[in-house]
PDB file of N, CA and C in Angstrom:
ATOM      1  N   MET A   1    -145.680 -88.685  59.862  1.00  0.00           N
ATOM      2  CA  MET A   1    -146.159 -87.616  60.713  1.00  0.00           C
ATOM      3  C   MET A   1    -147.674 -87.755  60.880  1.00  0.00           C
ATOM      4  N   LYS A   2    -148.131 -87.777  62.120  1.00  0.00           N
ATOM      5  CA  LYS A   2    -149.561 -87.918  62.389  1.00  0.00           C
ATOM      6  C   LYS A   2    -150.263 -86.580  62.206  1.00  0.00           C
ATOM      7  N   PRO A   3    -151.493 -86.600  61.693  1.00  0.00           N
ATOM      8  CA  PRO A   3    -152.237 -85.347  61.520  1.00  0.00           C
ATOM      9  C   PRO A   3    -152.627 -84.753  62.861  1.00  0.00           C
ATOM     10  N   ALA A   4    -152.729 -83.444  62.891  1.00  0.00           N
ATOM     11  CA  ALA A   4    -153.145 -82.761  64.112  1.00  0.00           C
ATOM     12  C   ALA A   4    -154.600 -83.074  64.387  1.00  0.00           C
ATOM     13  N   ARG A   5    -154.939 -83.230  65.655  1.00  0.00           N
ATOM     14  CA  ARG A   5    -156.326 -83.513  66.028  1.00  0.00           C
ATOM     15  C   ARG A   5    -156.887 -82.299  66.745  1.00  0.00           C
ATOM     16  N   PHE A   6    -158.131 -82.016  66.467  1.00  0.00           N
ATOM     17  CA  PHE A   6    -158.811 -80.914  67.114  1.00  0.00           C
ATOM     18  C   PHE A   6    -159.553 -81.444  68.336  1.00  0.00           C
ATOM     19  N   PRO A   7    -159.593 -80.710  69.429  1.00  0.00           N
ATOM     20  CA  PRO A   7    -160.353 -81.176  70.591  1.00  0.00           C
ATOM     21  C   PRO A   7    -161.843 -81.191  70.289  1.00  0.00           C
ATOM     22  N   ARG A   8    -162.556 -82.111  70.896  1.00  0.00           N
ATOM     23  CA  ARG A   8    -163.997 -82.224  70.676  1.00  0.00           C
ATOM     24  C   ARG A   8    -164.737 -80.964  71.107  1.00  0.00           C
ATOM     25  N   SER A   9    -164.247 -80.255  72.078  1.00  0.00           N
ATOM     26  CA  SER A   9    -164.934 -79.076  72.592  1.00  0.00           C
ATOM     27  C   SER A   9    -165.038 -77.952  71.565  1.00  0.00           C
ATOM     28  N   GLU A  10    -164.259 -78.026  70.484  1.00  0.00           N
ATOM     29  CA  GLU A  10    -164.312 -76.982  69.455  1.00  0.00           C
ATOM     30  C   GLU A  10    -165.524 -77.122  68.547  1.00  0.00           C
ATOM     31  N   ASN A  11    -166.267 -78.218  68.641  1.00  0.00           N
ATOM     32  CA  ASN A  11    -167.419 -78.432  67.765  1.00  0.00           C
ATOM     33  C   ASN A  11    -168.554 -77.514  68.179  1.00  0.00           C
ATOM     34  N   THR A  12    -168.684 -76.407  67.483  1.00  0.00           N
ATOM     35  CA  THR A  12    -169.730 -75.438  67.772  1.00  0.00           C
ATOM     36  C   THR A  12    -170.948 -75.661  66.906  1.00  0.00           C
ATOM     37  N   GLY A  13    -170.838 -76.561  65.943  1.00  0.00           N
ATOM     38  CA  GLY A  13    -171.942 -76.810  65.037  1.00  0.00           C
ATOM     39  C   GLY A  13    -171.979 -75.835  63.878  1.00  0.00           C
ATOM     40  N   LYS A  14    -171.052 -74.876  63.865  1.00  0.00           N
ATOM     41  CA  LYS A  14    -171.007 -73.889  62.789  1.00  0.00           C
ATOM     42  C   LYS A  14    -170.024 -74.354  61.727  1.00  0.00           C
ATOM     43  N   GLY A  15    -170.317 -74.054  60.484  1.00  0.00           N
ATOM     44  CA  GLY A  15    -169.521 -74.544  59.369  1.00  0.00           C
ATOM     45  C   GLY A  15    -168.657 -73.480  58.778  1.00  0.00           C
ATOM     46  N   PRO A  16    -168.281 -73.636  57.579  1.00  0.00           N
ATOM     47  CA  PRO A  16    -168.800 -74.693  56.713  1.00  0.00           C
ATOM     48  C   PRO A  16    -168.136 -76.037  56.983  1.00  0.00           C
ATOM     49  N   PHE A  17    -168.882 -77.086  56.740  1.00  0.00           N
ATOM     50  CA  PHE A  17    -168.371 -78.443  56.805  1.00  0.00           C
ATOM     51  C   PHE A  17    -168.387 -78.979  55.375  1.00  0.00           C
ATOM     52  N   ILE A  18    -167.399 -79.801  55.070  1.00  0.00           N
ATOM     53  CA  ILE A  18    -167.225 -80.262  53.696  1.00  0.00           C
ATOM     54  C   ILE A  18    -167.154 -81.785  53.670  1.00  0.00           C
ATOM     55  N   ALA A  19    -167.850 -82.379  52.712  1.00  0.00           N
ATOM     56  CA  ALA A  19    -167.827 -83.821  52.524  1.00  0.00           C
ATOM     57  C   ALA A  19    -167.529 -84.117  51.063  1.00  0.00           C
ATOM     58  N   SER A  20    -167.087 -85.324  50.829  1.00  0.00           N
ATOM     59  CA  SER A  20    -166.857 -85.755  49.457  1.00  0.00           C
ATOM     60  C   SER A  20    -168.188 -86.160  48.846  1.00  0.00           C
ATOM     61  N   GLY A  21    -168.369 -85.845  47.596  1.00  0.00           N
ATOM     62  CA  GLY A  21    -169.580 -86.223  46.888  1.00  0.00           C
ATOM     63  C   GLY A  21    -169.558 -87.657  46.389  1.00  0.00           C
ATOM     64  N   LEU A  22    -168.459 -88.349  46.587  1.00  0.00           N
ATOM     65  CA  LEU A  22    -168.355 -89.735  46.146  1.00  0.00           C
ATOM     66  C   LEU A  22    -169.189 -90.627  47.059  1.00  0.00           C
ATOM     67  N   PRO A  23    -169.942 -91.564  46.503  1.00  0.00           N
ATOM     68  CA  PRO A  23    -170.850 -92.375  47.313  1.00  0.00           C
ATOM     69  C   PRO A  23    -170.174 -93.270  48.350  1.00  0.00           C
ATOM     70  N   ILE A  24    -168.923 -93.636  48.141  1.00  0.00           N
ATOM     71  CA  ILE A  24    -168.251 -94.512  49.104  1.00  0.00           C
ATOM     72  C   ILE A  24    -167.690 -93.753  50.302  1.00  0.00           C
ATOM     73  N   ARG A  25    -167.680 -92.452  50.238  1.00  0.00           N
ATOM     74  CA  ARG A  25    -167.160 -91.627  51.337  1.00  0.00           C
ATOM     75  C   ARG A  25    -168.338 -91.085  52.136  1.00  0.00           C
ATOM     76  N   ASN A  26    -168.386 -91.351  53.438  1.00  0.00           N
ATOM     77  CA  ASN A  26    -169.515 -90.878  54.217  1.00  0.00           C
ATOM     78  C   ASN A  26    -169.098 -89.951  55.361  1.00  0.00           C
ATOM     79  N   ARG A  27    -167.878 -89.470  55.352  1.00  0.00           N
ATOM     80  CA  ARG A  27    -167.388 -88.579  56.403  1.00  0.00           C
ATOM     81  C   ARG A  27    -167.492 -87.122  55.970  1.00  0.00           C
ATOM     82  N   PHE A  28    -167.696 -86.246  56.947  1.00  0.00           N
ATOM     83  CA  PHE A  28    -167.623 -84.818  56.666  1.00  0.00           C
ATOM     84  C   PHE A  28    -166.533 -84.202  57.534  1.00  0.00           C
ATOM     85  N   HIS A  29    -166.017 -83.068  57.087  1.00  0.00           N
ATOM     86  CA  HIS A  29    -164.823 -82.473  57.674  1.00  0.00           C
ATOM     87  C   HIS A  29    -165.012 -80.984  57.941  1.00  0.00           C
ATOM     88  N   ARG A  30    -164.185 -80.458  58.840  1.00  0.00           N
ATOM     89  CA  ARG A  30    -164.112 -79.014  59.008  1.00  0.00           C
ATOM     90  C   ARG A  30    -163.454 -78.444  57.750  1.00  0.00           C
ATOM     91  N   TRP A  31    -163.704 -77.195  57.480  1.00  0.00           N
ATOM     92  CA  TRP A  31    -163.163 -76.571  56.265  1.00  0.00           C
ATOM     93  C   TRP A  31    -161.641 -76.612  56.232  1.00  0.00           C
ATOM     94  N   ASN A  32    -160.975 -76.652  57.402  1.00  0.00           N
ATOM     95  CA  ASN A  32    -159.517 -76.609  57.422  1.00  0.00           C
ATOM     96  C   ASN A  32    -158.864 -77.968  57.669  1.00  0.00           C
ATOM     97  N   CYS A  33    -159.624 -79.042  57.561  1.00  0.00           N
ATOM     98  CA  CYS A  33    -159.081 -80.388  57.753  1.00  0.00           C
ATOM     99  C   CYS A  33    -158.134 -80.742  56.599  1.00  0.00           C
ATOM    100  N   GLU A  34    -157.089 -81.471  56.922  1.00  0.00           N
ATOM    101  CA  GLU A  34    -156.127 -81.863  55.880  1.00  0.00           C
ATOM    102  C   GLU A  34    -156.755 -82.761  54.812  1.00  0.00           C
ATOM    103  N   TRP A  35    -157.797 -83.502  55.143  1.00  0.00           N
ATOM    104  CA  TRP A  35    -158.434 -84.379  54.170  1.00  0.00           C
ATOM    105  C   TRP A  35    -159.201 -83.597  53.118  1.00  0.00           C
ATOM    106  N   VAL A  36    -159.648 -82.395  53.446  1.00  0.00           N
ATOM    107  CA  VAL A  36    -160.354 -81.566  52.469  1.00  0.00           C
ATOM    108  C   VAL A  36    -159.413 -81.194  51.327  1.00  0.00           C
ATOM    109  N   ARG A  37    -158.155 -80.952  51.650  1.00  0.00           N
ATOM    110  CA  ARG A  37    -157.175 -80.603  50.613  1.00  0.00           C
ATOM    111  C   ARG A  37    -156.967 -81.737  49.617  1.00  0.00           C
ATOM    112  N   GLU A  38    -157.239 -82.972  50.059  1.00  0.00           N
ATOM    113  CA  GLU A  38    -157.070 -84.140  49.186  1.00  0.00           C
ATOM    114  C   GLU A  38    -158.247 -84.315  48.212  1.00  0.00           C
ATOM    115  N   MET A  39    -159.375 -83.678  48.493  1.00  0.00           N
ATOM    116  CA  MET A  39    -160.579 -83.828  47.658  1.00  0.00           C
ATOM    117  C   MET A  39    -160.509 -82.936  46.432  1.00  0.00           C
ATOM    118  N   ALA A  40    -160.940 -83.467  45.315  1.00  0.00           N
ATOM    119  CA  ALA A  40    -161.051 -82.642  44.108  1.00  0.00           C
ATOM    120  C   ALA A  40    -162.182 -81.629  44.328  1.00  0.00           C
ATOM    121  N   LEU A  41    -161.999 -80.426  43.823  1.00  0.00           N
ATOM    122  CA  LEU A  41    -163.002 -79.376  44.011  1.00  0.00           C
ATOM    123  C   LEU A  41    -164.378 -79.795  43.516  1.00  0.00           C
ATOM    124  N   GLU A  42    -164.425 -80.493  42.407  1.00  0.00           N
ATOM    125  CA  GLU A  42    -165.727 -80.872  41.845  1.00  0.00           C
ATOM    126  C   GLU A  42    -166.437 -81.954  42.663  1.00  0.00           C
ATOM    127  N   ASN A  43    -165.725 -82.602  43.594  1.00  0.00           N
ATOM    128  CA  ASN A  43    -166.328 -83.644  44.423  1.00  0.00           C
ATOM    129  C   ASN A  43    -166.752 -83.151  45.802  1.00  0.00           C
ATOM    130  N   ARG A  44    -166.575 -81.878  46.102  1.00  0.00           N
ATOM    131  CA  ARG A  44    -166.880 -81.367  47.437  1.00  0.00           C
ATOM    132  C   ARG A  44    -168.351 -80.991  47.577  1.00  0.00           C
ATOM    133  N   VAL A  45    -168.922 -81.386  48.715  1.00  0.00           N
ATOM    134  CA  VAL A  45    -170.300 -81.043  49.063  1.00  0.00           C
ATOM    135  C   VAL A  45    -170.229 -80.217  50.347  1.00  0.00           C
ATOM    136  N   MET A  46    -170.896 -79.068  50.353  1.00  0.00           N
ATOM    137  CA  MET A  46    -170.830 -78.148  51.498  1.00  0.00           C
ATOM    138  C   MET A  46    -172.071 -78.290  52.372  1.00  0.00           C
ATOM    139  N   PHE A  47    -171.869 -78.191  53.684  1.00  0.00           N
ATOM    140  CA  PHE A  47    -172.940 -78.153  54.662  1.00  0.00           C
ATOM    141  C   PHE A  47    -172.720 -76.937  55.552  1.00  0.00           C
ATOM    142  N   LYS A  48    -173.792 -76.220  55.869  1.00  0.00           N
ATOM    143  CA  LYS A  48    -173.662 -75.023  56.700  1.00  0.00           C
ATOM    144  C   LYS A  48    -173.419 -75.364  58.157  1.00  0.00           C
ATOM    145  N   THR A  49    -174.048 -76.430  58.633  1.00  0.00           N
ATOM    146  CA  THR A  49    -173.909 -76.786  60.046  1.00  0.00           C
ATOM    147  C   THR A  49    -173.597 -78.266  60.202  1.00  0.00           C
ATOM    148  N   HIS A  50    -173.135 -78.604  61.391  1.00  0.00           N
ATOM    149  CA  HIS A  50    -172.862 -79.985  61.776  1.00  0.00           C
ATOM    150  C   HIS A  50    -174.148 -80.802  61.654  1.00  0.00           C
ATOM    151  N   ALA A  51    -175.262 -80.254  62.122  1.00  0.00           N
ATOM    152  CA  ALA A  51    -176.549 -80.950  62.088  1.00  0.00           C
ATOM    153  C   ALA A  51    -176.995 -81.250  60.656  1.00  0.00           C
ATOM    154  N   ASP A  52    -176.727 -80.333  59.738  1.00  0.00           N
ATOM    155  CA  ASP A  52    -177.080 -80.561  58.334  1.00  0.00           C
ATOM    156  C   ASP A  52    -176.321 -81.760  57.765  1.00  0.00           C
ATOM    157  N   ALA A  53    -175.051 -81.858  58.091  1.00  0.00           N
ATOM    158  CA  ALA A  53    -174.233 -82.966  57.593  1.00  0.00           C
ATOM    159  C   ALA A  53    -174.696 -84.291  58.185  1.00  0.00           C
ATOM    160  N   VAL A  54    -175.010 -84.304  59.472  1.00  0.00           N
ATOM    161  CA  VAL A  54    -175.495 -85.524  60.122  1.00  0.00           C
ATOM    162  C   VAL A  54    -176.848 -85.926  59.539  1.00  0.00           C
ATOM    163  N   ALA A  55    -177.720 -84.940  59.316  1.00  0.00           N
ATOM    164  CA  ALA A  55    -179.045 -85.217  58.736  1.00  0.00           C
ATOM    165  C   ALA A  55    -178.930 -85.807  57.333  1.00  0.00           C
ATOM    166  N   ALA A  56    -177.844 -85.499  56.632  1.00  0.00           N
ATOM    167  CA  ALA A  56    -177.623 -86.033  55.289  1.00  0.00           C
ATOM    168  C   ALA A  56    -176.990 -87.430  55.330  1.00  0.00           C
ATOM    169  N   GLY A  57    -176.830 -87.982  56.533  1.00  0.00           N
ATOM    170  CA  GLY A  57    -176.290 -89.328  56.673  1.00  0.00           C
ATOM    171  C   GLY A  57    -174.786 -89.402  56.749  1.00  0.00           C
ATOM    172  N   ARG A  58    -174.128 -88.269  56.967  1.00  0.00           N
ATOM    173  CA  ARG A  58    -172.663 -88.248  57.057  1.00  0.00           C
ATOM    174  C   ARG A  58    -172.207 -88.422  58.498  1.00  0.00           C
ATOM    175  N   LYS A  59    -170.987 -88.915  58.673  1.00  0.00           N
ATOM    176  CA  LYS A  59    -170.382 -89.087  59.993  1.00  0.00           C
ATOM    177  C   LYS A  59    -169.207 -88.129  60.122  1.00  0.00           C
ATOM    178  N   PRO A  60    -168.929 -87.624  61.343  1.00  0.00           N
ATOM    179  CA  PRO A  60    -167.805 -86.698  61.525  1.00  0.00           C
ATOM    180  C   PRO A  60    -166.459 -87.364  61.277  1.00  0.00           C
ATOM    181  N   CYS A  61    -165.539 -86.599  60.731  1.00  0.00           N
ATOM    182  CA  CYS A  61    -164.162 -87.044  60.503  1.00  0.00           C
ATOM    183  C   CYS A  61    -163.489 -87.322  61.853  1.00  0.00           C
ATOM    184  N   LEU A  62    -162.704 -88.376  61.925  1.00  0.00           N
ATOM    185  CA  LEU A  62    -162.007 -88.700  63.156  1.00  0.00           C
ATOM    186  C   LEU A  62    -160.720 -87.902  63.326  1.00  0.00           C
ATOM    187  N   THR A  63    -160.236 -87.297  62.254  1.00  0.00           N
ATOM    188  CA  THR A  63    -159.010 -86.495  62.329  1.00  0.00           C
ATOM    189  C   THR A  63    -159.313 -85.097  62.835  1.00  0.00           C
ATOM    190  N   CYS A  64    -160.239 -84.405  62.192  1.00  0.00           N
ATOM    191  CA  CYS A  64    -160.534 -83.019  62.588  1.00  0.00           C
ATOM    192  C   CYS A  64    -161.655 -82.941  63.609  1.00  0.00           C
ATOM    193  N   ARG A  65    -162.285 -84.066  63.905  1.00  0.00           N
ATOM    194  CA  ARG A  65    -163.359 -84.143  64.891  1.00  0.00           C
ATOM    195  C   ARG A  65    -164.472 -83.147  64.608  1.00  0.00           C
ATOM    196  N   ALA A  66    -164.899 -83.136  63.369  1.00  0.00           N
ATOM    197  CA  ALA A  66    -165.948 -82.214  62.934  1.00  0.00           C
ATOM    198  C   ALA A  66    -167.199 -82.353  63.772  1.00  0.00           C
TER     199      ALA A  66
END
């Protein structure tokens, strides 16, 4: 089963956005993305806005189109 994709137009820049704290992971996700559920709580890094996550060197998730 393929994951649901969010349309790009939903990107309002408002969060929270969540990324993995592991150094090999450079993607950030919307709070309700299925990949967030796979992350251990202690490995999650929160960003308030899309711009904050990009400024930290993260790239948007291709599934949830953060």
